[in-house]
Amino acid sequence: MTISGLIKSQKWRFALIFLLFILVAGLNTAASYFFKPATDALVKGNLNTSLSFFVVMIGAGIISIILDAIVQTIYSHQVQDYIGLLRQKIVHHFYQKNDQTVTEMQNELGNNFDMLTDNYATPVQTLISNSFTLIFTIGVLVQLNWTLVILTAILAILNLLTPRIMEKATSKANQQVSIENSKLLKTIDHWLGGIQELRRYSSFSELFRTMNKTDSNFEGSNIHSAKVQSLSLFISSLANTISQIAISLWAGVLFFQGKMTIGAALVVGDFASQIFNAIWIYEQAMTQLKSVKSVNEETKKLEKAVPKNIEKLSDDLAELDINDLDVKYEHGEEIHYPNIKIKQGEKVLLTGDSGTEKSTLFKVILGQLKPKSGTVVFKDSSGKVIKPDLGKIGYIAQDSILFPESIQNNITMFNSALDSKVEEFVEKVQLKKDILKFPDGLETAVDLDKDNLSGGQKQKVVLARSQIHHSKFVLMDEATSAIDSEATKKILQELLKSDVTLILIAHNFDQNLRAMFDREIHLKGVKSNDN
């Protein structure tokens, strides 16, 4: 988030905001200044003149209040529009570059934007409005007595230096809040995502212990941040109060020396309050801006466009060679895979003992996981090693990924050019009978909260999605595990007679289903543990 970005998000609106800030500051200053001639006229016995100035004061004050409410609303719209633009850029970053987990994305798009709104956008508004207040007020002080300006400048510098005392502490505290919030979101995702298993095995105590520990850390970081902010506020408030008293005392001295009227002396006290309150607010605004510096830097990185990959990628995936592949996990477990060669058009069933990490092999093929050693190589039709376009590989994971949209859109993935082909592929994956059960048919909305599709229906939707997009190379991980054997057989018959290269992980196929594949690769449990 930047000031220039905030302005550019809607230039004409910001120009109006700028103008309104000037008007509000000018009217507030005028309302305060008119107290001087009103008081001086009253001292001289000119009641009518005094009342006239008081009426003008009240009018200026009322108009400034109305305009201030208007500018606050308009500025809020400006900020929300800007955040909307930033959110679009960051979502685009996540789409182009899969470098963060879902919980980290949630933290960036939710909590961090809230922090930036409160500790960046709001302080920027404060800085702008208070700058105009200071300009008008100092201009009045120059007209009253030049020594007041000198004293005000000295005290203002001292006030502006006080935030530096707590600058590092507040920044560190806010950064820790962001870190602990991210940890809390991860804990919620990891533990509550498996709440059914926890219920099945009566593991509430462990869930409670883990959630309580993470929540306590998050609460602790918020409490610490509040303490640091309070201490910073106290230091600034103390400097502000001392400065106001000093200016008022000096105005009193000038009055007794006959260098200003009683009205001017009283107005100086009011202006001193305005000036140092503005400086105090300015200090707090600067502290807030600096407190989210690290969060803002992270947001700036994410909003930058992801450089396009100019490297030429090939979708001519004629052969897959896996050689001497070892995958090692952080806890020390190491998996050894046999050498595997798969030709274009082959239909391979991948089975294996429990714990042979068949799904992990898919992750390595897709480039989602780096092996400890060995190679995964794709070759084109001429036998040349190529850099594959991994995005062209069809991948159907164990957990069907659907979106809160119509069944048809979930199949076409929002490509309307494929709408006319949906019926054909619905038939191929044995989904037609299921569709007829829904009143709205293919236009039935997938309800992720109410879970209105069964596990088998979800898998059929994803299978139709993969086939309608004509992926030449397809990896299927237990893609029919929730579908009955008869439907599975029909689906495989359609799939296996196509020209796609297919590797399918399954563990519950009978001999008839196994026989439908060109060959079967059975992984054996070959592990080691390095301590």
Protein backbone atom coordinates (compact mmCIF):
# COMPACT_ATOMS: atom_id res chain seq x y z
CA MET A 1 0.00 0.00 0.00
CA THR A 2 1.37 3.40 -1.02
CA ILE A 3 0.11 6.98 -0.95
CA SER A 4 0.60 7.30 -4.72
CA GLY A 5 -1.36 4.11 -5.26
CA LEU A 6 -4.14 5.39 -3.02
CA ILE A 7 -4.33 8.60 -5.07
CA LYS A 8 -4.17 6.87 -8.47
CA SER A 9 -6.94 4.39 -7.63
CA GLN A 10 -9.43 7.24 -8.30
CA LYS A 11 -7.66 10.55 -9.05
CA TRP A 12 -10.69 12.84 -9.38
CA ARG A 13 -12.25 11.56 -6.18
CA PHE A 14 -8.97 12.09 -4.32
CA ALA A 15 -8.79 15.64 -5.69
CA LEU A 16 -12.22 16.27 -4.15
CA ILE A 17 -11.04 14.73 -0.87
CA PHE A 18 -8.01 17.03 -0.92
CA LEU A 19 -10.17 20.10 -1.49
CA LEU A 20 -12.57 19.13 1.30
CA PHE A 21 -9.68 18.64 3.73
CA ILE A 22 -8.53 22.20 2.95
CA LEU A 23 -12.04 23.59 3.49
CA VAL A 24 -12.50 21.73 6.80
CA ALA A 25 -9.11 22.91 8.11
CA GLY A 26 -9.79 26.49 6.98
CA LEU A 27 -13.25 26.62 8.56
CA ASN A 28 -11.96 25.15 11.84
CA THR A 29 -9.18 27.73 11.97
CA ALA A 30 -11.60 30.55 11.14
CA ALA A 31 -14.03 29.40 13.84
CA SER A 32 -11.25 29.53 16.40
CA TYR A 33 -9.80 32.83 15.19
CA PHE A 34 -13.14 34.68 15.32
CA PHE A 35 -13.07 34.18 19.08
CA LYS A 36 -10.41 36.92 19.21
CA PRO A 37 -12.47 39.82 17.70
CA ALA A 38 -15.57 38.54 19.49
CA THR A 39 -13.81 38.71 22.87
CA ASP A 40 -12.09 42.04 22.14
CA ALA A 41 -15.44 43.58 21.09
CA LEU A 42 -17.08 42.26 24.24
CA VAL A 43 -14.34 43.78 26.41
CA LYS A 44 -14.90 47.12 24.68
CA GLY A 45 -18.67 46.86 25.27
CA ASN A 46 -19.63 46.27 21.61
CA LEU A 47 -22.21 43.54 22.28
CA ASN A 48 -23.75 43.46 18.80
CA THR A 49 -20.36 43.18 17.11
CA SER A 50 -19.36 40.45 19.57
CA LEU A 51 -22.54 38.47 18.93
CA SER A 52 -22.05 38.75 15.17
CA PHE A 53 -18.59 37.19 15.44
CA PHE A 54 -19.95 34.44 17.71
CA VAL A 55 -22.66 33.63 15.13
CA VAL A 56 -20.01 33.42 12.39
CA MET A 57 -17.94 31.15 14.66
CA ILE A 58 -20.85 28.78 15.21
CA GLY A 59 -21.72 28.75 11.50
CA ALA A 60 -18.16 27.97 10.45
CA GLY A 61 -17.99 25.19 13.07
CA ILE A 62 -21.25 23.56 11.92
CA ILE A 63 -20.24 23.67 8.23
CA SER A 64 -16.82 22.16 9.04
CA ILE A 65 -18.49 19.29 10.96
CA ILE A 66 -20.80 18.53 8.01
CA LEU A 67 -17.93 18.67 5.49
CA ASP A 68 -15.74 16.52 7.74
CA ALA A 69 -18.42 13.79 7.83
CA ILE A 70 -18.68 13.94 4.04
CA VAL A 71 -14.94 13.71 3.45
CA GLN A 72 -14.63 10.79 5.89
CA THR A 73 -17.19 8.83 3.88
CA ILE A 74 -15.62 9.66 0.52
CA TYR A 75 -12.14 8.75 1.81
CA SER A 76 -13.46 5.42 3.07
CA HIS A 77 -14.72 4.65 -0.46
CA GLN A 78 -11.32 5.61 -1.86
CA VAL A 79 -9.53 3.24 0.53
CA GLN A 80 -11.88 0.31 -0.15
CA ASP A 81 -11.52 0.76 -3.91
CA TYR A 82 -7.74 0.77 -3.54
CA ILE A 83 -7.78 -2.34 -1.35
CA GLY A 84 -9.97 -4.01 -3.97
CA LEU A 85 -7.32 -3.28 -6.62
CA LEU A 86 -4.54 -4.58 -4.36
CA ARG A 87 -6.53 -7.72 -3.58
CA GLN A 88 -6.96 -8.38 -7.31
CA LYS A 89 -3.21 -8.03 -7.87
CA ILE A 90 -2.33 -10.33 -4.99
CA VAL A 91 -4.88 -12.95 -6.05
CA HIS A 92 -3.32 -12.78 -9.52
CA HIS A 93 0.10 -13.32 -7.91
CA PHE A 94 -1.19 -16.40 -6.07
CA TYR A 95 -2.72 -17.68 -9.31
CA GLN A 96 0.50 -17.23 -11.29
CA LYS A 97 2.91 -18.31 -8.58
CA ASN A 98 1.91 -21.03 -6.15
CA ASP A 99 4.32 -20.03 -3.38
CA GLN A 100 2.03 -19.78 -0.32
CA THR A 101 -0.36 -22.02 1.58
CA VAL A 102 -4.10 -21.33 1.78
CA THR A 103 -3.78 -20.08 5.36
CA GLU A 104 -0.97 -17.72 4.36
CA MET A 105 -3.16 -16.40 1.55
CA GLN A 106 -6.02 -15.91 4.01
CA ASN A 107 -3.71 -13.95 6.29
CA GLU A 108 -2.48 -11.75 3.43
CA LEU A 109 -5.97 -11.07 2.04
CA GLY A 110 -7.70 -10.72 5.39
CA ASN A 111 -5.76 -9.81 8.54
CA ASN A 112 -2.95 -7.92 6.79
CA PHE A 113 -5.36 -5.73 4.83
CA ASP A 114 -7.22 -4.95 8.06
CA MET A 115 -3.93 -3.93 9.66
CA LEU A 116 -3.00 -1.74 6.68
CA THR A 117 -6.42 -0.07 6.68
CA ASP A 118 -6.17 0.78 10.39
CA ASN A 119 -2.44 1.54 10.51
CA TYR A 120 -1.71 2.96 7.06
CA ALA A 121 -4.78 4.30 5.23
CA THR A 122 -6.31 5.93 8.32
CA PRO A 123 -3.03 7.57 9.44
CA VAL A 124 -2.49 8.92 5.90
CA GLN A 125 -5.87 10.65 6.14
CA THR A 126 -4.86 12.03 9.52
CA LEU A 127 -1.55 13.34 8.18
CA ILE A 128 -3.21 15.14 5.28
CA SER A 129 -5.97 16.79 7.31
CA ASN A 130 -3.67 17.78 10.17
CA SER A 131 -1.09 19.23 7.79
CA PHE A 132 -3.63 21.78 6.58
CA THR A 133 -4.67 22.52 10.15
CA LEU A 134 -1.04 23.22 11.06
CA ILE A 135 -0.52 25.47 8.03
CA PHE A 136 -3.58 27.63 8.75
CA THR A 137 -2.94 27.77 12.49
CA ILE A 138 0.72 28.72 12.17
CA GLY A 139 -0.30 31.42 9.69
CA VAL A 140 -2.57 32.93 12.36
CA LEU A 141 0.19 32.78 14.99
CA VAL A 142 2.53 34.70 12.69
CA GLN A 143 -0.08 37.44 12.47
CA LEU A 144 -0.48 37.54 16.28
CA ASN A 145 3.18 37.46 17.36
CA TRP A 146 6.27 36.07 15.61
CA THR A 147 7.82 34.79 18.88
CA LEU A 148 4.93 32.36 19.21
CA VAL A 149 5.96 30.76 15.93
CA ILE A 150 9.58 30.35 17.05
CA LEU A 151 8.55 28.72 20.35
CA THR A 152 6.00 26.54 18.56
CA ALA A 153 8.63 25.36 16.04
CA ILE A 154 11.06 24.37 18.80
CA LEU A 155 8.43 22.48 20.77
CA ALA A 156 7.07 20.87 17.58
CA ILE A 157 10.51 19.43 16.74
CA LEU A 158 10.77 17.95 20.23
CA ASN A 159 7.29 16.45 19.89
CA LEU A 160 8.11 14.93 16.51
CA LEU A 161 11.21 13.24 17.90
CA THR A 162 9.36 11.42 20.70
CA PRO A 163 7.85 8.64 18.47
CA ARG A 164 11.34 7.38 17.64
CA ILE A 165 11.65 6.15 21.21
CA MET A 166 9.05 3.42 20.58
CA GLU A 167 9.35 3.05 16.80
CA LYS A 168 11.20 -0.29 16.70
CA ALA A 169 9.18 -1.78 19.52
CA THR A 170 5.81 -1.02 17.88
CA SER A 171 6.95 -2.36 14.50
CA LYS A 172 8.21 -5.58 16.05
CA ALA A 173 5.01 -6.00 18.09
CA ASN A 174 2.74 -5.59 15.05
CA GLN A 175 4.87 -7.98 12.99
CA GLN A 176 4.55 -10.57 15.74
CA VAL A 177 0.75 -10.18 15.70
CA SER A 178 0.77 -10.98 11.96
CA ILE A 179 3.01 -14.02 12.51
CA GLU A 180 0.89 -15.41 15.34
CA ASN A 181 -2.30 -14.82 13.36
CA SER A 182 -0.85 -16.83 10.48
CA LYS A 183 0.05 -19.65 12.90
CA LEU A 184 -3.47 -19.61 14.31
CA LEU A 185 -4.98 -19.90 10.83
CA LYS A 186 -2.66 -22.81 10.04
CA THR A 187 -3.63 -24.56 13.26
CA ILE A 188 -7.32 -24.11 12.47
CA ASP A 189 -6.77 -25.47 8.95
CA HIS A 190 -4.66 -28.45 10.05
CA TRP A 191 -6.71 -29.52 13.06
CA LEU A 192 -10.30 -28.52 12.37
CA GLY A 193 -9.92 -29.85 8.83
CA GLY A 194 -9.65 -33.30 10.39
CA ILE A 195 -12.28 -32.81 13.09
CA GLN A 196 -14.21 -35.92 12.00
CA GLU A 197 -11.19 -38.09 12.75
CA LEU A 198 -10.68 -36.39 16.09
CA ARG A 199 -14.30 -37.09 16.98
CA ARG A 200 -14.01 -40.69 15.85
CA TYR A 201 -11.09 -41.31 18.20
CA SER A 202 -12.30 -39.03 21.02
CA SER A 203 -9.22 -36.79 20.76
CA PHE A 204 -10.86 -33.58 21.93
CA SER A 205 -8.29 -33.01 24.67
CA GLU A 206 -5.44 -32.81 22.15
CA LEU A 207 -7.47 -30.51 19.90
CA PHE A 208 -8.26 -28.29 22.90
CA ARG A 209 -4.62 -28.25 24.04
CA THR A 210 -3.26 -27.33 20.60
CA MET A 211 -5.90 -24.69 19.89
CA ASN A 212 -5.54 -23.20 23.35
CA LYS A 213 -1.76 -22.95 23.02
CA THR A 214 -1.91 -21.27 19.59
CA ASP A 215 -4.77 -18.99 20.64
CA SER A 216 -2.87 -18.01 23.80
CA ASN A 217 0.18 -17.06 21.74
CA PHE A 218 -2.01 -14.95 19.42
CA GLU A 219 -3.74 -13.24 22.34
CA GLY A 220 -0.37 -12.67 24.01
CA SER A 221 1.00 -10.95 20.91
CA ASN A 222 -2.07 -8.68 20.76
CA ILE A 223 -1.77 -7.81 24.45
CA HIS A 224 1.93 -7.06 24.07
CA SER A 225 1.21 -4.89 21.02
CA ALA A 226 -1.46 -2.99 22.99
CA LYS A 227 1.01 -2.39 25.86
CA VAL A 228 3.65 -1.05 23.49
CA GLN A 229 1.10 1.21 21.77
CA SER A 230 -0.11 2.48 25.17
CA LEU A 231 3.41 3.32 26.31
CA SER A 232 4.06 5.15 23.04
CA LEU A 233 0.79 7.04 23.50
CA PHE A 234 1.71 8.05 27.06
CA ILE A 235 5.10 9.44 26.03
CA SER A 236 3.58 11.46 23.19
CA SER A 237 0.71 12.72 25.36
CA LEU A 238 3.10 13.92 28.05
CA ALA A 239 5.21 15.88 25.53
CA ASN A 240 2.04 17.32 24.00
CA THR A 241 0.63 18.53 27.34
CA ILE A 242 3.90 20.18 28.39
CA SER A 243 4.10 22.02 25.03
CA GLN A 244 0.53 23.36 25.29
CA ILE A 245 1.19 24.69 28.78
CA ALA A 246 4.43 26.37 27.63
CA ILE A 247 2.71 28.18 24.73
CA SER A 248 -0.18 29.33 26.92
CA LEU A 249 2.24 30.67 29.57
CA TRP A 250 4.20 32.59 26.93
CA ALA A 251 0.96 34.08 25.56
CA GLY A 252 0.16 35.22 29.11
CA VAL A 253 3.56 36.88 29.36
CA LEU A 254 2.98 38.74 26.07
CA PHE A 255 -0.46 39.89 27.28
CA PHE A 256 0.94 41.35 30.51
CA GLN A 257 3.68 43.05 28.49
CA GLY A 258 0.94 44.70 26.45
CA LYS A 259 2.00 43.00 23.22
CA MET A 260 -1.37 41.37 22.54
CA THR A 261 -5.01 41.74 23.55
CA ILE A 262 -6.87 39.48 25.95
CA GLY A 263 -8.76 37.98 23.00
CA ALA A 264 -5.49 37.20 21.21
CA ALA A 265 -4.02 35.62 24.38
CA LEU A 266 -7.08 33.38 24.80
CA VAL A 267 -7.03 32.42 21.10
CA VAL A 268 -3.33 31.50 21.37
CA GLY A 269 -4.21 28.98 24.05
CA ASP A 270 -6.82 27.43 21.74
CA PHE A 271 -4.45 27.43 18.78
CA ALA A 272 -1.68 25.95 20.91
CA SER A 273 -4.06 23.14 21.78
CA GLN A 274 -4.89 22.64 18.07
CA ILE A 275 -1.24 22.72 16.97
CA PHE A 276 0.08 20.26 19.51
CA ASN A 277 -2.93 18.02 19.25
CA ALA A 278 -2.27 17.97 15.50
CA ILE A 279 1.41 17.20 16.15
CA TRP A 280 0.46 14.53 18.69
CA ILE A 281 -1.93 12.95 16.19
CA TYR A 282 0.81 13.29 13.57
CA GLU A 283 3.21 11.41 15.86
CA GLN A 284 0.73 8.62 16.41
CA ALA A 285 0.06 8.42 12.69
CA MET A 286 3.79 8.13 11.94
CA THR A 287 4.13 5.45 14.62
CA GLN A 288 1.24 3.52 13.07
CA LEU A 289 2.72 3.81 9.59
CA LYS A 290 6.07 2.49 10.76
CA SER A 291 4.46 -0.26 12.84
CA VAL A 292 3.12 -1.94 9.67
CA LYS A 293 6.25 -1.36 7.60
CA SER A 294 7.16 -5.06 7.40
CA VAL A 295 3.56 -6.07 6.64
CA ASN A 296 3.33 -3.39 3.96
CA GLU A 297 6.62 -4.47 2.38
CA GLU A 298 5.26 -8.01 2.08
CA THR A 299 2.07 -6.67 0.46
CA LYS A 300 4.11 -4.60 -2.01
CA LYS A 301 6.05 -7.70 -3.06
CA LEU A 302 2.84 -9.65 -3.63
CA GLU A 303 1.14 -6.91 -5.66
CA LYS A 304 3.99 -6.80 -8.17
CA ALA A 305 3.32 -8.61 -11.42
CA VAL A 306 4.87 -12.07 -11.60
CA PRO A 307 7.47 -12.11 -14.43
CA LYS A 308 6.27 -14.19 -17.34
CA ASN A 309 8.19 -17.37 -17.98
CA ILE A 310 9.80 -16.75 -21.36
CA GLU A 311 11.27 -20.24 -21.42
CA LYS A 312 9.69 -22.33 -24.16
CA LEU A 313 7.69 -25.21 -22.69
CA SER A 314 6.60 -28.27 -24.61
CA ASP A 315 3.34 -30.18 -24.40
CA ASP A 316 4.67 -33.01 -26.61
CA LEU A 317 4.92 -35.46 -23.71
CA ALA A 318 5.80 -38.63 -25.58
CA GLU A 319 7.72 -40.38 -22.82
CA LEU A 320 8.27 -40.19 -19.05
CA ASP A 321 11.51 -41.54 -17.57
CA ILE A 322 12.03 -41.84 -13.82
CA ASN A 323 15.52 -42.90 -12.77
CA ASP A 324 17.16 -43.51 -9.35
CA LEU A 325 14.54 -41.37 -7.63
CA ASP A 326 14.87 -40.75 -3.89
CA VAL A 327 12.60 -38.47 -1.87
CA LYS A 328 13.55 -37.49 1.67
CA TYR A 329 11.27 -35.90 4.25
CA GLU A 330 12.30 -33.45 6.95
CA HIS A 331 11.83 -35.98 9.73
CA GLY A 332 14.41 -38.25 8.09
CA GLU A 333 12.27 -40.82 6.23
CA GLU A 334 13.57 -41.54 2.75
CA ILE A 335 11.63 -43.21 -0.09
CA HIS A 336 13.33 -45.07 -2.95
CA TYR A 337 11.42 -45.50 -6.20
CA PRO A 338 12.17 -48.01 -8.96
CA ASN A 339 13.13 -46.86 -12.44
CA ILE A 340 9.99 -46.29 -14.49
CA LYS A 341 9.50 -45.63 -18.20
CA ILE A 342 6.07 -44.81 -19.61
CA LYS A 343 5.41 -44.35 -23.33
CA GLN A 344 2.83 -42.08 -24.94
CA GLY A 345 -0.66 -43.58 -24.91
CA GLU A 346 0.13 -46.20 -22.27
CA LYS A 347 -2.45 -46.93 -19.57
CA VAL A 348 -0.61 -47.78 -16.37
CA LEU A 349 -2.09 -48.88 -13.06
CA LEU A 350 0.08 -47.83 -10.13
CA THR A 351 -0.39 -49.92 -7.01
CA GLY A 352 1.77 -50.59 -4.01
CA ASP A 353 2.19 -51.51 -0.41
CA SER A 354 0.90 -49.16 2.25
CA GLY A 355 3.32 -46.29 2.83
CA THR A 356 5.03 -46.49 -0.55
CA GLU A 357 4.09 -42.85 -1.15
CA LYS A 358 2.39 -43.27 -4.52
CA SER A 359 0.82 -39.81 -4.22
CA THR A 360 4.27 -38.38 -3.44
CA LEU A 361 5.53 -39.72 -6.75
CA PHE A 362 2.81 -37.71 -8.50
CA LYS A 363 3.91 -34.57 -6.65
CA VAL A 364 7.47 -35.07 -7.89
CA ILE A 365 6.26 -35.60 -11.48
CA LEU A 366 4.19 -32.38 -11.24
CA GLY A 367 7.16 -30.41 -9.90
CA GLN A 368 5.46 -29.77 -6.56
CA LEU A 369 8.14 -31.62 -4.60
CA LYS A 370 11.88 -31.74 -5.19
CA PRO A 371 13.56 -35.13 -4.85
CA LYS A 372 16.74 -35.73 -2.88
CA SER A 373 18.30 -37.38 -5.90
CA GLY A 374 17.43 -38.95 -9.21
CA THR A 375 15.65 -37.57 -12.24
CA VAL A 376 12.16 -37.21 -13.67
CA VAL A 377 12.54 -36.57 -17.40
CA PHE A 378 10.03 -35.97 -20.17
CA LYS A 379 10.91 -36.60 -23.83
CA ASP A 380 9.18 -35.50 -27.00
CA SER A 381 8.25 -37.61 -30.02
CA SER A 382 11.80 -37.41 -31.38
CA GLY A 383 13.29 -38.69 -28.11
CA LYS A 384 14.68 -35.30 -27.12
CA VAL A 385 14.61 -34.30 -23.46
CA ILE A 386 12.23 -31.37 -23.06
CA LYS A 387 11.10 -28.83 -20.51
CA PRO A 388 7.46 -29.90 -20.04
CA ASP A 389 4.50 -27.58 -19.63
CA LEU A 390 3.37 -29.13 -16.35
CA GLY A 391 0.19 -27.08 -16.49
CA LYS A 392 -0.93 -29.25 -19.41
CA ILE A 393 -0.80 -32.43 -17.32
CA GLY A 394 -4.22 -33.50 -16.11
CA TYR A 395 -4.17 -34.22 -12.38
CA ILE A 396 -7.08 -35.64 -10.43
CA ALA A 397 -6.28 -35.68 -6.72
CA GLN A 398 -7.78 -37.87 -3.99
CA ASP A 399 -9.86 -34.96 -2.72
CA SER A 400 -12.12 -33.58 -5.45
CA ILE A 401 -11.71 -29.84 -5.79
CA LEU A 402 -14.98 -28.13 -6.67
CA PHE A 403 -16.11 -24.51 -6.65
CA PRO A 404 -19.36 -22.91 -5.41
CA GLU A 405 -20.68 -22.66 -8.97
CA SER A 406 -22.91 -24.75 -11.24
CA ILE A 407 -21.99 -28.36 -12.02
CA GLN A 408 -21.56 -27.35 -15.66
CA ASN A 409 -19.10 -24.57 -14.79
CA ASN A 410 -17.19 -26.99 -12.57
CA ILE A 411 -16.80 -29.28 -15.57
CA THR A 412 -15.93 -26.65 -18.18
CA MET A 413 -13.95 -24.55 -15.67
CA PHE A 414 -15.83 -21.48 -16.92
CA ASN A 415 -14.90 -22.02 -20.57
CA SER A 416 -18.23 -21.39 -22.32
CA ALA A 417 -16.83 -22.76 -25.58
CA LEU A 418 -17.06 -26.23 -24.01
CA ASP A 419 -20.72 -25.94 -22.92
CA SER A 420 -21.99 -27.87 -25.94
CA LYS A 421 -19.75 -30.84 -25.10
CA VAL A 422 -20.74 -31.19 -21.44
CA GLU A 423 -23.55 -33.70 -22.06
CA GLU A 424 -21.19 -35.99 -23.96
CA PHE A 425 -18.64 -36.19 -21.17
CA VAL A 426 -21.29 -36.39 -18.45
CA GLU A 427 -22.41 -39.57 -20.20
CA LYS A 428 -18.85 -40.92 -20.44
CA VAL A 429 -18.20 -40.62 -16.69
CA GLN A 430 -21.59 -42.12 -15.72
CA LEU A 431 -22.81 -38.83 -14.25
CA LYS A 432 -26.00 -38.49 -16.29
CA LYS A 433 -28.21 -40.48 -13.89
CA ASP A 434 -26.98 -38.33 -11.01
CA ILE A 435 -27.68 -35.11 -12.91
CA LEU A 436 -31.28 -36.20 -13.55
CA LYS A 437 -31.83 -36.37 -9.79
CA PHE A 438 -31.21 -32.64 -9.45
CA PRO A 439 -34.14 -30.31 -10.33
CA ASP A 440 -31.78 -27.83 -11.95
CA GLY A 441 -29.69 -30.48 -13.70
CA LEU A 442 -26.28 -29.20 -14.82
CA GLU A 443 -27.16 -25.74 -13.51
CA THR A 444 -27.32 -27.11 -9.96
CA ALA A 445 -25.03 -25.03 -7.77
CA VAL A 446 -22.39 -26.92 -5.82
CA ASP A 447 -22.95 -26.09 -2.14
CA LEU A 448 -19.63 -26.57 -0.36
CA ASP A 449 -21.20 -25.85 3.02
CA LYS A 450 -24.17 -28.23 2.76
CA ASP A 451 -22.17 -30.74 0.68
CA ASN A 452 -25.03 -31.45 -1.73
CA LEU A 453 -22.94 -33.79 -3.90
CA SER A 454 -21.82 -37.24 -2.76
CA GLY A 455 -18.17 -38.28 -2.88
CA GLY A 456 -18.78 -40.33 -6.01
CA GLN A 457 -20.64 -37.50 -7.75
CA LYS A 458 -17.79 -35.11 -7.00
CA GLN A 459 -15.27 -37.55 -8.48
CA LYS A 460 -17.37 -37.91 -11.62
CA VAL A 461 -17.52 -34.13 -12.04
CA VAL A 462 -13.73 -33.91 -11.79
CA LEU A 463 -13.29 -36.83 -14.20
CA ALA A 464 -15.56 -35.09 -16.71
CA ARG A 465 -13.54 -31.91 -16.22
CA SER A 466 -10.28 -33.69 -17.02
CA GLN A 467 -11.66 -35.44 -20.11
CA ILE A 468 -13.46 -32.44 -21.62
CA HIS A 469 -10.20 -30.46 -21.57
CA HIS A 470 -8.40 -33.25 -23.48
CA SER A 471 -5.29 -33.52 -21.32
CA LYS A 472 -2.79 -35.69 -23.21
CA PHE A 473 -1.08 -36.85 -20.02
CA VAL A 474 -3.25 -37.65 -17.00
CA LEU A 475 -2.39 -38.56 -13.40
CA MET A 476 -5.29 -39.97 -11.37
CA ASP A 477 -4.92 -40.51 -7.62
CA GLU A 478 -7.69 -42.80 -6.32
CA ALA A 479 -9.97 -40.88 -8.69
CA THR A 480 -12.75 -43.52 -8.59
CA SER A 481 -12.45 -44.62 -4.96
CA ALA A 482 -15.97 -43.34 -4.10
CA ILE A 483 -17.60 -44.70 -7.26
CA ASP A 484 -19.15 -48.17 -7.36
CA SER A 485 -17.31 -50.92 -9.30
CA GLU A 486 -19.80 -51.15 -12.16
CA ALA A 487 -19.67 -47.42 -12.88
CA THR A 488 -15.88 -47.47 -12.42
CA LYS A 489 -15.59 -50.17 -15.07
CA LYS A 490 -17.66 -48.16 -17.58
CA ILE A 491 -15.68 -45.02 -16.87
CA LEU A 492 -12.38 -46.84 -17.37
CA GLN A 493 -13.60 -48.41 -20.60
CA GLU A 494 -14.22 -44.92 -22.02
CA LEU A 495 -10.96 -43.58 -20.66
CA LEU A 496 -8.74 -46.48 -21.67
CA LYS A 497 -9.84 -46.45 -25.30
CA SER A 498 -8.68 -42.82 -25.66
CA ASP A 499 -5.16 -41.86 -26.78
CA VAL A 500 -4.16 -40.21 -23.48
CA THR A 501 -1.20 -41.35 -21.43
CA LEU A 502 -2.66 -42.43 -18.10
CA ILE A 503 -1.17 -43.31 -14.73
CA LEU A 504 -3.84 -44.25 -12.20
CA ILE A 505 -3.28 -44.98 -8.51
CA ALA A 506 -5.70 -47.50 -7.05
CA HIS A 507 -5.65 -50.04 -4.25
CA ASN A 508 -9.07 -51.72 -4.38
CA PHE A 509 -9.37 -52.85 -8.01
CA ASP A 510 -10.33 -56.45 -8.62
CA GLN A 511 -8.57 -58.64 -11.18
CA ASN A 512 -10.99 -57.70 -13.97
CA LEU A 513 -10.34 -53.98 -13.53
CA ARG A 514 -6.58 -54.55 -13.31
CA ALA A 515 -6.62 -56.48 -16.56
CA MET A 516 -8.02 -53.47 -18.41
CA PHE A 517 -4.66 -51.62 -18.15
CA ASP A 518 -1.64 -52.10 -20.40
CA ARG A 519 0.43 -52.93 -17.35
CA GLU A 520 0.65 -52.57 -13.61
CA ILE A 521 3.52 -51.09 -11.65
CA HIS A 522 3.55 -52.29 -8.07
CA LEU A 523 5.62 -50.24 -5.64
CA LYS A 524 7.18 -52.06 -2.74
CA GLY A 525 7.96 -50.52 0.62
CA VAL A 526 11.56 -49.44 0.31
CA LYS A 527 12.31 -46.90 3.03
CA SER A 528 15.16 -45.86 5.24
CA ASN A 529 15.40 -43.60 8.26
CA ASP A 530 18.44 -41.38 8.79
CA ASN A 531 18.83 -40.42 12.41
